[in-house]
C-alpha cells in the first residue's frame, strides 16, 4: 500500500474550500462538505489538512460518528489563525 500524496493548503483549492467551510468552528457533516465544496473523499481531505509531517498544514480537526453520519469540526486555535492570515493575504494579493 502506498503513502498518501498530501497537498499543501496554500496551493490546493480543494483543501482551501474545506478550510473555509470549517473555519466557522461549527460541526459540518460529510455530506455538507461534499455538496458545498464539491469534493469527494472528505476523510482524505481532512487527513491532508491535519498532516504535519509531509505538508506542515497541521490543523486540528475533530471527527465524530454520530446520528448515522460523519461530522467534522475544526479547532480555532493559533495554527488555524496563522493559516487564515496567510490565505487571506493570498486572496488580497490576487493569488
PDB file of N, CA and C in Angstrom:
ATOM      1  N   UNK A   1       0.840  -1.178   0.000  1.00  0.00           N
ATOM      2  CA  UNK A   1       0.000   0.000   0.000  1.00  0.00           C
ATOM      3  C   UNK A   1       0.885   1.242   0.000  1.00  0.00           C
ATOM      4  N   UNK A   2       0.587   2.201  -0.832  1.00  0.00           N
ATOM      5  CA  UNK A   2       1.399   3.409  -0.948  1.00  0.00           C
ATOM      6  C   UNK A   2       1.054   4.447   0.096  1.00  0.00           C
ATOM      7  N   UNK A   3       1.827   5.502   0.100  1.00  0.00           N
ATOM      8  CA  UNK A   3       1.568   6.593   1.032  1.00  0.00           C
ATOM      9  C   UNK A   3       0.719   7.664   0.359  1.00  0.00           C
ATOM     10  N   UNK A   4      -0.007   8.392   1.180  1.00  0.00           N
ATOM     11  CA  UNK A   4      -0.866   9.455   0.681  1.00  0.00           C
ATOM     12  C   UNK A   4       0.000  10.588   0.141  1.00  0.00           C
ATOM     13  N   UNK A   5      -0.382  11.116  -0.990  1.00  0.00           N
ATOM     14  CA  UNK A   5       0.289  12.288  -1.552  1.00  0.00           C
ATOM     15  C   UNK A   5      -0.497  13.518  -1.104  1.00  0.00           C
ATOM     16  N   UNK A   6      -0.041  14.131  -0.070  1.00  0.00           N
ATOM     17  CA  UNK A   6      -0.755  15.250   0.537  1.00  0.00           C
ATOM     18  C   UNK A   6      -0.368  16.575  -0.109  1.00  0.00           C
ATOM     19  N   UNK A   7      -1.368  17.444  -0.246  1.00  0.00           N
ATOM     20  CA  UNK A   7      -1.144  18.773  -0.816  1.00  0.00           C
ATOM     21  C   UNK A   7      -0.944  19.786   0.300  1.00  0.00           C
ATOM     22  N   UNK A   8      -0.304  20.880  -0.037  1.00  0.00           N
ATOM     23  CA  UNK A   8      -0.153  21.985   0.924  1.00  0.00           C
ATOM     24  C   UNK A   8      -1.362  22.905   0.795  1.00  0.00           C
ATOM     25  N   UNK A   9      -1.802  23.396   1.900  1.00  0.00           N
ATOM     26  CA  UNK A   9      -3.009  24.215   1.947  1.00  0.00           C
ATOM     27  C   UNK A   9      -2.922  25.443   1.044  1.00  0.00           C
ATOM     28  N   UNK A  10      -1.778  26.124   1.030  1.00  0.00           N
ATOM     29  CA  UNK A  10      -1.693  27.361   0.249  1.00  0.00           C
ATOM     30  C   UNK A  10      -1.740  27.133  -1.259  1.00  0.00           C
ATOM     31  N   UNK A  11      -1.536  25.894  -1.705  1.00  0.00           N
ATOM     32  CA  UNK A  11      -1.528  25.642  -3.150  1.00  0.00           C
ATOM     33  C   UNK A  11      -2.677  24.759  -3.626  1.00  0.00           C
ATOM     34  N   UNK A  12      -3.600  24.408  -2.756  1.00  0.00           N
ATOM     35  CA  UNK A  12      -4.681  23.489  -3.129  1.00  0.00           C
ATOM     36  C   UNK A  12      -6.052  24.133  -2.943  1.00  0.00           C
ATOM     37  N   UNK A  13      -6.733  24.391  -4.048  1.00  0.00           N
ATOM     38  CA  UNK A  13      -8.086  24.958  -3.973  1.00  0.00           C
ATOM     39  C   UNK A  13      -9.051  23.992  -3.287  1.00  0.00           C
ATOM     40  N   UNK A  14      -8.827  22.714  -3.469  1.00  0.00           N
ATOM     41  CA  UNK A  14      -9.659  21.680  -2.850  1.00  0.00           C
ATOM     42  C   UNK A  14      -9.555  21.755  -1.324  1.00  0.00           C
ATOM     43  N   UNK A  15      -8.339  21.870  -0.806  1.00  0.00           N
ATOM     44  CA  UNK A  15      -8.147  21.982   0.640  1.00  0.00           C
ATOM     45  C   UNK A  15      -8.649  23.331   1.150  1.00  0.00           C
ATOM     46  N   UNK A  16      -8.441  24.381   0.377  1.00  0.00           N
ATOM     47  CA  UNK A  16      -8.908  25.701   0.798  1.00  0.00           C
ATOM     48  C   UNK A  16     -10.423  25.760   0.896  1.00  0.00           C
ATOM     49  N   UNK A  17     -11.126  25.089  -0.016  1.00  0.00           N
ATOM     50  CA  UNK A  17     -12.595  25.070   0.056  1.00  0.00           C
ATOM     51  C   UNK A  17     -13.057  24.444   1.369  1.00  0.00           C
ATOM     52  N   UNK A  18     -12.458  23.334   1.746  1.00  0.00           N
ATOM     53  CA  UNK A  18     -12.817  22.678   3.008  1.00  0.00           C
ATOM     54  C   UNK A  18     -12.402  23.546   4.195  1.00  0.00           C
ATOM     55  N   UNK A  19     -11.235  24.162   4.113  1.00  0.00           N
ATOM     56  CA  UNK A  19     -10.758  25.037   5.189  1.00  0.00           C
ATOM     57  C   UNK A  19     -11.766  26.148   5.467  1.00  0.00           C
ATOM     58  N   UNK A  20     -12.193  26.855   4.414  1.00  0.00           N
ATOM     59  CA  UNK A  20     -13.100  27.990   4.609  1.00  0.00           C
ATOM     60  C   UNK A  20     -14.469  27.544   5.103  1.00  0.00           C
ATOM     61  N   UNK A  21     -14.933  26.388   4.703  1.00  0.00           N
ATOM     62  CA  UNK A  21     -16.208  25.885   5.234  1.00  0.00           C
ATOM     63  C   UNK A  21     -16.075  25.580   6.719  1.00  0.00           C
ATOM     64  N   UNK A  22     -15.001  24.904   7.107  1.00  0.00           N
ATOM     65  CA  UNK A  22     -14.801  24.519   8.500  1.00  0.00           C
ATOM     66  C   UNK A  22     -14.350  25.689   9.375  1.00  0.00           C
ATOM     67  N   UNK A  23     -14.010  26.816   8.780  1.00  0.00           N
ATOM     68  CA  UNK A  23     -13.443  27.959   9.505  1.00  0.00           C
ATOM     69  C   UNK A  23     -14.406  28.608  10.490  1.00  0.00           C
ATOM     70  N   UNK A  24     -15.666  28.227  10.472  1.00  0.00           N
ATOM     71  CA  UNK A  24     -16.602  28.804  11.439  1.00  0.00           C
ATOM     72  C   UNK A  24     -16.559  28.084  12.789  1.00  0.00           C
ATOM     73  N   UNK A  25     -15.800  26.984  12.851  1.00  0.00           N
ATOM     74  CA  UNK A  25     -15.668  26.256  14.106  1.00  0.00           C
ATOM     75  C   UNK A  25     -16.880  25.408  14.462  1.00  0.00           C
ATOM     76  N   UNK A  26     -17.878  25.381  13.595  1.00  0.00           N
ATOM     77  CA  UNK A  26     -19.080  24.584  13.828  1.00  0.00           C
ATOM     78  C   UNK A  26     -18.896  23.193  13.231  1.00  0.00           C
ATOM     79  N   UNK A  27     -19.735  22.255  13.646  1.00  0.00           N
ATOM     80  CA  UNK A  27     -19.619  20.917  13.074  1.00  0.00           C
ATOM     81  C   UNK A  27     -20.337  20.869  11.726  1.00  0.00           C
ATOM     82  N   UNK A  28     -19.712  20.156  10.797  1.00  0.00           N
ATOM     83  CA  UNK A  28     -20.246  20.015   9.445  1.00  0.00           C
ATOM     84  C   UNK A  28     -20.264  18.542   9.084  1.00  0.00           C
ATOM     85  N   UNK A  29     -21.330  18.134   8.423  1.00  0.00           N
ATOM     86  CA  UNK A  29     -21.457  16.725   8.041  1.00  0.00           C
ATOM     87  C   UNK A  29     -20.612  16.424   6.803  1.00  0.00           C
ATOM     88  N   UNK A  30     -20.306  15.154   6.663  1.00  0.00           N
ATOM     89  CA  UNK A  30     -19.595  14.670   5.481  1.00  0.00           C
ATOM     90  C   UNK A  30     -20.343  15.110   4.217  1.00  0.00           C
ATOM     91  N   UNK A  31     -21.652  14.934   4.214  1.00  0.00           N
ATOM     92  CA  UNK A  31     -22.471  15.277   3.050  1.00  0.00           C
ATOM     93  C   UNK A  31     -22.425  16.780   2.762  1.00  0.00           C
ATOM     94  N   UNK A  32     -22.487  17.598   3.804  1.00  0.00           N
ATOM     95  CA  UNK A  32     -22.428  19.051   3.629  1.00  0.00           C
ATOM     96  C   UNK A  32     -21.100  19.464   2.995  1.00  0.00           C
ATOM     97  N   UNK A  33     -20.021  18.861   3.432  1.00  0.00           N
ATOM     98  CA  UNK A  33     -18.703  19.187   2.870  1.00  0.00           C
ATOM     99  C   UNK A  33     -18.633  18.774   1.406  1.00  0.00           C
ATOM    100  N   UNK A  34     -19.139  17.600   1.096  1.00  0.00           N
ATOM    101  CA  UNK A  34     -19.158  17.130  -0.296  1.00  0.00           C
ATOM    102  C   UNK A  34     -19.953  18.090  -1.173  1.00  0.00           C
ATOM    103  N   UNK A  35     -21.142  18.463  -0.740  1.00  0.00           N
ATOM    104  CA  UNK A  35     -22.023  19.316  -1.539  1.00  0.00           C
ATOM    105  C   UNK A  35     -21.517  20.755  -1.648  1.00  0.00           C
ATOM    106  N   UNK A  36     -21.057  21.316  -0.543  1.00  0.00           N
ATOM    107  CA  UNK A  36     -20.637  22.719  -0.538  1.00  0.00           C
ATOM    108  C   UNK A  36     -19.298  22.924  -1.244  1.00  0.00           C
ATOM    109  N   UNK A  37     -18.366  22.033  -0.976  1.00  0.00           N
ATOM    110  CA  UNK A  37     -17.007  22.198  -1.509  1.00  0.00           C
ATOM    111  C   UNK A  37     -16.792  21.490  -2.834  1.00  0.00           C
ATOM    112  N   UNK A  38     -17.762  20.681  -3.241  1.00  0.00           N
ATOM    113  CA  UNK A  38     -17.650  19.924  -4.498  1.00  0.00           C
ATOM    114  C   UNK A  38     -16.416  19.028  -4.494  1.00  0.00           C
ATOM    115  N   UNK A  39     -16.205  18.337  -3.373  1.00  0.00           N
ATOM    116  CA  UNK A  39     -15.080  17.415  -3.256  1.00  0.00           C
ATOM    117  C   UNK A  39     -15.594  16.053  -2.817  1.00  0.00           C
ATOM    118  N   UNK A  40     -14.868  15.028  -3.173  1.00  0.00           N
ATOM    119  CA  UNK A  40     -15.156  13.677  -2.704  1.00  0.00           C
ATOM    120  C   UNK A  40     -14.074  13.294  -1.701  1.00  0.00           C
ATOM    121  N   UNK A  41     -14.223  12.144  -1.104  1.00  0.00           N
ATOM    122  CA  UNK A  41     -13.231  11.617  -0.157  1.00  0.00           C
ATOM    123  C   UNK A  41     -12.894  12.630   0.934  1.00  0.00           C
ATOM    124  N   UNK A  42     -13.920  13.059   1.634  1.00  0.00           N
ATOM    125  CA  UNK A  42     -13.753  14.064   2.696  1.00  0.00           C
ATOM    126  C   UNK A  42     -12.727  13.609   3.713  1.00  0.00           C
ATOM    127  N   UNK A  43     -12.737  12.331   4.056  1.00  0.00           N
ATOM    128  CA  UNK A  43     -11.775  11.842   5.048  1.00  0.00           C
ATOM    129  C   UNK A  43     -10.336  12.063   4.586  1.00  0.00           C
ATOM    130  N   UNK A  44     -10.073  11.952   3.301  1.00  0.00           N
ATOM    131  CA  UNK A  44      -8.729  12.201   2.772  1.00  0.00           C
ATOM    132  C   UNK A  44      -8.376  13.685   2.829  1.00  0.00           C
ATOM    133  N   UNK A  45      -9.339  14.532   2.507  1.00  0.00           N
ATOM    134  CA  UNK A  45      -9.113  15.979   2.573  1.00  0.00           C
ATOM    135  C   UNK A  45      -8.803  16.391   4.006  1.00  0.00           C
ATOM    136  N   UNK A  46      -9.570  15.862   4.959  1.00  0.00           N
ATOM    137  CA  UNK A  46      -9.334  16.177   6.369  1.00  0.00           C
ATOM    138  C   UNK A  46      -7.959  15.669   6.799  1.00  0.00           C
ATOM    139  N   UNK A  47      -7.590  14.476   6.349  1.00  0.00           N
ATOM    140  CA  UNK A  47      -6.267  13.940   6.683  1.00  0.00           C
ATOM    141  C   UNK A  47      -5.161  14.857   6.157  1.00  0.00           C
ATOM    142  N   UNK A  48      -5.343  15.398   4.969  1.00  0.00           N
ATOM    143  CA  UNK A  48      -4.347  16.314   4.405  1.00  0.00           C
ATOM    144  C   UNK A  48      -4.292  17.622   5.192  1.00  0.00           C
ATOM    145  N   UNK A  49      -5.442  18.124   5.617  1.00  0.00           N
ATOM    146  CA  UNK A  49      -5.456  19.350   6.411  1.00  0.00           C
ATOM    147  C   UNK A  49      -4.778  19.155   7.760  1.00  0.00           C
ATOM    148  N   UNK A  50      -4.863  17.956   8.293  1.00  0.00           N
ATOM    149  CA  UNK A  50      -4.270  17.660   9.597  1.00  0.00           C
ATOM    150  C   UNK A  50      -2.795  17.278   9.501  1.00  0.00           C
ATOM    151  N   UNK A  51      -2.323  16.947   8.324  1.00  0.00           N
ATOM    152  CA  UNK A  51      -0.977  16.415   8.127  1.00  0.00           C
ATOM    153  C   UNK A  51       0.099  17.421   8.521  1.00  0.00           C
ATOM    154  N   UNK A  52       0.979  17.025   9.394  1.00  0.00           N
ATOM    155  CA  UNK A  52       2.096  17.881   9.785  1.00  0.00           C
ATOM    156  C   UNK A  52       3.403  17.398   9.168  1.00  0.00           C
ATOM    157  N   UNK A  53       3.555  16.097   9.088  1.00  0.00           N
ATOM    158  CA  UNK A  53       4.832  15.511   8.659  1.00  0.00           C
ATOM    159  C   UNK A  53       5.173  15.859   7.209  1.00  0.00           C
ATOM    160  N   UNK A  54       4.227  15.665   6.284  1.00  0.00           N
ATOM    161  CA  UNK A  54       4.514  15.872   4.865  1.00  0.00           C
ATOM    162  C   UNK A  54       4.166  17.261   4.358  1.00  0.00           C
ATOM    163  N   UNK A  55       3.222  17.951   5.000  1.00  0.00           N
ATOM    164  CA  UNK A  55       2.752  19.212   4.423  1.00  0.00           C
ATOM    165  C   UNK A  55       2.887  20.414   5.338  1.00  0.00           C
ATOM    166  N   UNK A  56       3.025  20.203   6.627  1.00  0.00           N
ATOM    167  CA  UNK A  56       3.056  21.272   7.619  1.00  0.00           C
ATOM    168  C   UNK A  56       1.726  22.016   7.695  1.00  0.00           C
ATOM    169  N   UNK A  57       0.635  21.433   7.170  1.00  0.00           N
ATOM    170  CA  UNK A  57      -0.692  22.051   7.326  1.00  0.00           C
ATOM    171  C   UNK A  57      -1.058  22.068   8.807  1.00  0.00           C
ATOM    172  N   UNK A  58      -1.024  20.914   9.461  1.00  0.00           N
ATOM    173  CA  UNK A  58      -1.108  20.770  10.917  1.00  0.00           C
ATOM    174  C   UNK A  58      -2.324  21.424  11.557  1.00  0.00           C
ATOM    175  N   UNK A  59      -3.501  21.274  10.968  1.00  0.00           N
ATOM    176  CA  UNK A  59      -4.716  21.821  11.567  1.00  0.00           C
ATOM    177  C   UNK A  59      -5.385  20.770  12.451  1.00  0.00           C
ATOM    178  N   UNK A  60      -6.062  21.228  13.479  1.00  0.00           N
ATOM    179  CA  UNK A  60      -6.733  20.339  14.407  1.00  0.00           C
ATOM    180  C   UNK A  60      -8.211  20.229  14.016  1.00  0.00           C
ATOM    181  N   UNK A  61      -8.599  19.053  13.532  1.00  0.00           N
ATOM    182  CA  UNK A  61      -9.975  18.808  13.093  1.00  0.00           C
ATOM    183  C   UNK A  61     -10.468  17.542  13.779  1.00  0.00           C
ATOM    184  N   UNK A  62     -11.576  17.682  14.487  1.00  0.00           N
ATOM    185  CA  UNK A  62     -12.163  16.534  15.169  1.00  0.00           C
ATOM    186  C   UNK A  62     -13.181  15.854  14.266  1.00  0.00           C
ATOM    187  N   UNK A  63     -13.177  14.535  14.310  1.00  0.00           N
ATOM    188  CA  UNK A  63     -14.139  13.721  13.578  1.00  0.00           C
ATOM    189  C   UNK A  63     -14.984  12.971  14.587  1.00  0.00           C
ATOM    190  N   UNK A  64     -16.275  12.904  14.324  1.00  0.00           N
ATOM    191  CA  UNK A  64     -17.166  12.153  15.213  1.00  0.00           C
ATOM    192  C   UNK A  64     -18.220  11.456  14.363  1.00  0.00           C
ATOM    193  N   UNK A  65     -18.448  10.179  14.658  1.00  0.00           N
ATOM    194  CA  UNK A  65     -19.542   9.458  14.013  1.00  0.00           C
ATOM    195  C   UNK A  65     -20.723   9.521  14.962  1.00  0.00           C
ATOM    196  N   UNK A  66     -21.802  10.145  14.518  1.00  0.00           N
ATOM    197  CA  UNK A  66     -22.951  10.364  15.395  1.00  0.00           C
ATOM    198  C   UNK A  66     -24.213  10.487  14.547  1.00  0.00           C
ATOM    199  N   UNK A  67     -25.297  10.007  15.082  1.00  0.00           N
ATOM    200  CA  UNK A  67     -26.593  10.103  14.396  1.00  0.00           C
ATOM    201  C   UNK A  67     -26.530   9.546  12.976  1.00  0.00           C
ATOM    202  N   UNK A  68     -25.757   8.483  12.780  1.00  0.00           N
ATOM    203  CA  UNK A  68     -25.671   7.837  11.478  1.00  0.00           C
ATOM    204  C   UNK A  68     -24.836   8.579  10.451  1.00  0.00           C
ATOM    205  N   UNK A  69     -24.049   9.565  10.872  1.00  0.00           N
ATOM    206  CA  UNK A  69     -23.241  10.312   9.918  1.00  0.00           C
ATOM    207  C   UNK A  69     -21.891  10.711  10.492  1.00  0.00           C
ATOM    208  N   UNK A  70     -21.026  11.151   9.610  1.00  0.00           N
ATOM    209  CA  UNK A  70     -19.687  11.608   9.990  1.00  0.00           C
ATOM    210  C   UNK A  70     -19.717  13.133  10.094  1.00  0.00           C
ATOM    211  N   UNK A  71     -19.168  13.662  11.180  1.00  0.00           N
ATOM    212  CA  UNK A  71     -19.171  15.089  11.457  1.00  0.00           C
ATOM    213  C   UNK A  71     -17.753  15.570  11.708  1.00  0.00           C
ATOM    214  N   UNK A  72     -17.437  16.763  11.209  1.00  0.00           N
ATOM    215  CA  UNK A  72     -16.098  17.331  11.346  1.00  0.00           C
ATOM    216  C   UNK A  72     -16.195  18.734  11.933  1.00  0.00           C
ATOM    217  N   UNK A  73     -15.281  19.037  12.869  1.00  0.00           N
ATOM    218  CA  UNK A  73     -15.213  20.353  13.496  1.00  0.00           C
ATOM    219  C   UNK A  73     -13.749  20.779  13.569  1.00  0.00           C
ATOM    220  N   UNK A  74     -13.458  21.974  13.058  1.00  0.00           N
ATOM    221  CA  UNK A  74     -12.088  22.475  13.130  1.00  0.00           C
ATOM    222  C   UNK A  74     -11.923  23.288  14.412  1.00  0.00           C
ATOM    223  N   UNK A  75     -10.807  23.042  15.097  1.00  0.00           N
ATOM    224  CA  UNK A  75     -10.477  23.808  16.297  1.00  0.00           C
ATOM    225  C   UNK A  75      -9.873  25.138  15.872  1.00  0.00           C
ATOM    226  N   UNK A  76     -10.432  26.219  16.387  1.00  0.00           N
ATOM    227  CA  UNK A  76      -9.962  27.555  16.009  1.00  0.00           C
ATOM    228  C   UNK A  76      -8.861  27.981  16.969  1.00  0.00           C
ATOM    229  N   UNK A  77      -7.681  27.398  16.776  1.00  0.00           N
ATOM    230  CA  UNK A  77      -6.528  27.648  17.635  1.00  0.00           C
ATOM    231  C   UNK A  77      -5.528  28.558  16.918  1.00  0.00           C
ATOM    232  N   UNK A  78      -4.368  28.754  17.516  1.00  0.00           N
ATOM    233  CA  UNK A  78      -3.354  29.638  16.935  1.00  0.00           C
ATOM    234  C   UNK A  78      -2.937  29.190  15.536  1.00  0.00           C
ATOM    235  N   UNK A  79      -2.824  27.881  15.314  1.00  0.00           N
ATOM    236  CA  UNK A  79      -2.431  27.363  13.994  1.00  0.00           C
ATOM    237  C   UNK A  79      -3.482  27.728  12.945  1.00  0.00           C
ATOM    238  N   UNK A  80      -4.758  27.604  13.315  1.00  0.00           N
ATOM    239  CA  UNK A  80      -5.848  27.993  12.411  1.00  0.00           C
ATOM    240  C   UNK A  80      -5.716  29.468  12.025  1.00  0.00           C
ATOM    241  N   UNK A  81      -5.544  30.348  13.016  1.00  0.00           N
ATOM    242  CA  UNK A  81      -5.482  31.781  12.733  1.00  0.00           C
ATOM    243  C   UNK A  81      -4.260  32.144  11.896  1.00  0.00           C
ATOM    244  N   UNK A  82      -3.174  31.428  12.084  1.00  0.00           N
ATOM    245  CA  UNK A  82      -1.984  31.640  11.261  1.00  0.00           C
ATOM    246  C   UNK A  82      -2.285  31.325   9.797  1.00  0.00           C
ATOM    247  N   UNK A  83      -2.936  30.182   9.559  1.00  0.00           N
ATOM    248  CA  UNK A  83      -3.304  29.812   8.190  1.00  0.00           C
ATOM    249  C   UNK A  83      -4.322  30.794   7.616  1.00  0.00           C
ATOM    250  N   UNK A  84      -5.279  31.220   8.423  1.00  0.00           N
ATOM    251  CA  UNK A  84      -6.295  32.149   7.921  1.00  0.00           C
ATOM    252  C   UNK A  84      -5.649  33.443   7.448  1.00  0.00           C
ATOM    253  N   UNK A  85      -4.703  33.974   8.225  1.00  0.00           N
ATOM    254  CA  UNK A  85      -3.999  35.198   7.809  1.00  0.00           C
ATOM    255  C   UNK A  85      -3.256  34.981   6.490  1.00  0.00           C
ATOM    256  N   UNK A  86      -2.572  33.846   6.366  1.00  0.00           N
ATOM    257  CA  UNK A  86      -1.815  33.562   5.137  1.00  0.00           C
ATOM    258  C   UNK A  86      -2.728  33.460   3.934  1.00  0.00           C
ATOM    259  N   UNK A  87      -3.838  32.760   4.082  1.00  0.00           N
ATOM    260  CA  UNK A  87      -4.758  32.579   2.942  1.00  0.00           C
ATOM    261  C   UNK A  87      -5.467  33.872   2.591  1.00  0.00           C
ATOM    262  N   UNK A  88      -5.802  34.675   3.590  1.00  0.00           N
ATOM    263  CA  UNK A  88      -6.433  35.962   3.299  1.00  0.00           C
ATOM    264  C   UNK A  88      -5.449  36.884   2.585  1.00  0.00           C
ATOM    265  N   UNK A  89      -4.171  36.791   2.940  1.00  0.00           N
ATOM    266  CA  UNK A  89      -3.144  37.546   2.244  1.00  0.00           C
ATOM    267  C   UNK A  89      -3.043  37.140   0.772  1.00  0.00           C
ATOM    268  N   UNK A  90      -3.177  35.829   0.512  1.00  0.00           N
ATOM    269  CA  UNK A  90      -3.155  35.347  -0.872  1.00  0.00           C
ATOM    270  C   UNK A  90      -4.342  35.905  -1.641  1.00  0.00           C
ATOM    271  N   UNK A  91      -5.510  35.912  -1.005  1.00  0.00           N
ATOM    272  CA  UNK A  91      -6.711  36.421  -1.664  1.00  0.00           C
ATOM    273  C   UNK A  91      -6.564  37.890  -2.034  1.00  0.00           C
ATOM    274  N   UNK A  92      -6.063  38.691  -1.093  1.00  0.00           N
ATOM    275  CA  UNK A  92      -5.946  40.132  -1.359  1.00  0.00           C
ATOM    276  C   UNK A  92      -4.858  40.431  -2.376  1.00  0.00           C
ATOM    277  N   UNK A  93      -3.885  39.526  -2.496  1.00  0.00           N
ATOM    278  CA  UNK A  93      -2.811  39.704  -3.481  1.00  0.00           C
ATOM    279  C   UNK A  93      -3.231  39.184  -4.852  1.00  0.00           C
ATOM    280  N   UNK A  94      -4.438  38.621  -4.917  1.00  0.00           N
ATOM    281  CA  UNK A  94      -4.940  38.124  -6.203  1.00  0.00           C
ATOM    282  C   UNK A  94      -4.490  36.717  -6.509  1.00  0.00           C
ATOM    283  N   UNK A  95      -3.950  35.976  -5.496  1.00  0.00           N
ATOM    284  CA  UNK A  95      -3.433  34.634  -5.722  1.00  0.00           C
ATOM    285  C   UNK A  95      -4.363  33.561  -5.465  1.00  0.00           C
TER     286      UNK A  95
END
